[in-house]
Protein backbone atom coordinates (compact mmCIF):
# COMPACT_ATOMS: atom_id res chain seq x y z
CA MET A 1 230.65 40.21 88.06
CA PRO A 2 233.20 38.72 85.61
CA ALA A 3 232.02 37.18 82.36
CA VAL A 4 231.87 33.42 82.17
CA THR A 5 234.95 32.13 80.39
CA LYS A 6 234.16 29.59 77.69
CA PRO A 7 236.50 27.42 75.63
CA PRO A 8 236.83 28.15 71.92
CA ASP A 9 233.84 27.18 69.78
CA GLU A 10 235.46 25.87 66.63
CA LEU A 11 238.73 24.27 65.62
CA PRO A 12 241.11 26.43 63.60
CA SER A 13 242.45 25.38 60.23
CA ALA A 14 245.70 23.44 60.67
CA ASP A 15 247.52 25.85 58.34
CA ASP A 16 246.40 28.96 60.28
CA VAL A 17 249.27 29.28 62.76
CA ARG A 18 247.86 32.36 64.50
CA GLY A 19 244.47 30.66 64.76
CA VAL A 20 246.05 27.53 66.23
CA LEU A 21 247.99 29.62 68.77
CA ALA A 22 244.84 31.56 69.69
CA TYR A 23 242.82 28.36 70.10
CA ASN A 24 245.44 26.64 72.27
CA VAL A 25 246.09 29.67 74.49
CA ARG A 26 242.39 30.18 75.14
CA LEU A 27 241.73 26.48 75.70
CA LEU A 28 244.55 26.15 78.26
CA ARG A 29 243.63 29.43 79.95
CA VAL A 30 240.00 28.35 80.34
CA GLN A 31 241.09 24.92 81.65
CA LYS A 32 243.04 26.74 84.38
CA GLY A 33 239.98 28.85 85.18
CA TRP A 34 241.88 32.07 84.49
CA SER A 35 240.66 35.31 83.00
CA GLN A 36 242.73 37.01 80.32
CA GLU A 37 243.87 39.42 82.98
CA GLU A 38 245.12 36.60 85.24
CA LEU A 39 247.05 35.03 82.35
CA ALA A 40 248.50 38.43 81.44
CA MET A 41 249.71 38.95 85.02
CA GLU A 42 251.34 35.50 85.05
CA CYS A 43 253.12 36.28 81.77
CA GLU A 44 253.90 39.91 82.65
CA LEU A 45 252.07 40.97 79.48
CA ASP A 46 249.24 43.44 79.01
CA ARG A 47 245.68 42.10 79.16
CA THR A 48 244.86 43.71 75.82
CA TYR A 49 247.82 41.87 74.27
CA VAL A 50 246.51 38.52 75.54
CA SER A 51 243.09 39.41 74.17
CA ALA A 52 244.60 40.25 70.77
CA VAL A 53 246.54 36.95 70.74
CA GLU A 54 243.34 35.02 71.46
CA ARG A 55 241.62 36.84 68.59
CA SER A 56 244.50 36.12 66.14
CA ARG A 57 245.28 39.83 65.78
CA TRP A 58 249.03 39.75 66.42
CA ASN A 59 252.09 38.02 65.07
CA VAL A 60 253.46 36.81 68.40
CA SER A 61 257.21 36.75 69.04
CA LEU A 62 258.91 33.53 70.09
CA GLY A 63 259.75 35.15 73.42
CA ASN A 64 256.09 35.84 74.14
CA ILE A 65 255.08 32.34 73.02
CA GLN A 66 257.58 31.05 75.57
CA ARG A 67 256.15 33.34 78.28
CA LEU A 68 252.60 32.18 77.53
CA ALA A 69 253.68 28.53 77.53
CA MET A 70 255.47 28.82 80.86
CA ALA A 71 252.44 30.46 82.47
CA LEU A 72 250.16 27.77 81.02
CA ASP A 73 252.47 24.93 82.15
CA THR A 74 253.16 23.62 78.67
CA GLN A 75 255.95 23.58 76.10
CA PRO A 76 256.03 26.40 73.54
CA TRP A 77 255.68 24.00 70.61
CA CYS A 78 252.43 22.69 72.11
CA LEU A 79 250.85 26.10 71.59
CA LEU A 80 251.61 25.83 67.86
CA LYS A 81 250.42 22.24 67.39
CA PRO A 82 247.07 22.02 65.58
CA PRO A 83 244.35 20.35 67.67
CA ASN A 84 242.96 17.02 66.53
């Protein structure tokens, strides 16, 4: 039985770009009802990579930000915009 997917708990600092990206990717993924594995398949990325992005462990390339954004039906810049 898959784990229940929950949105992020706390807002990232506006100057933490990796944290903002992680927050936005997870929020949009959860809103779609997708697991990390489903998002990874849509982006043609590895599930462990998506997990690392959502935990702010990687410096993500612009190409992969674009892939994530396309899969999440948003613009790449939206993934880097700090939440209100």
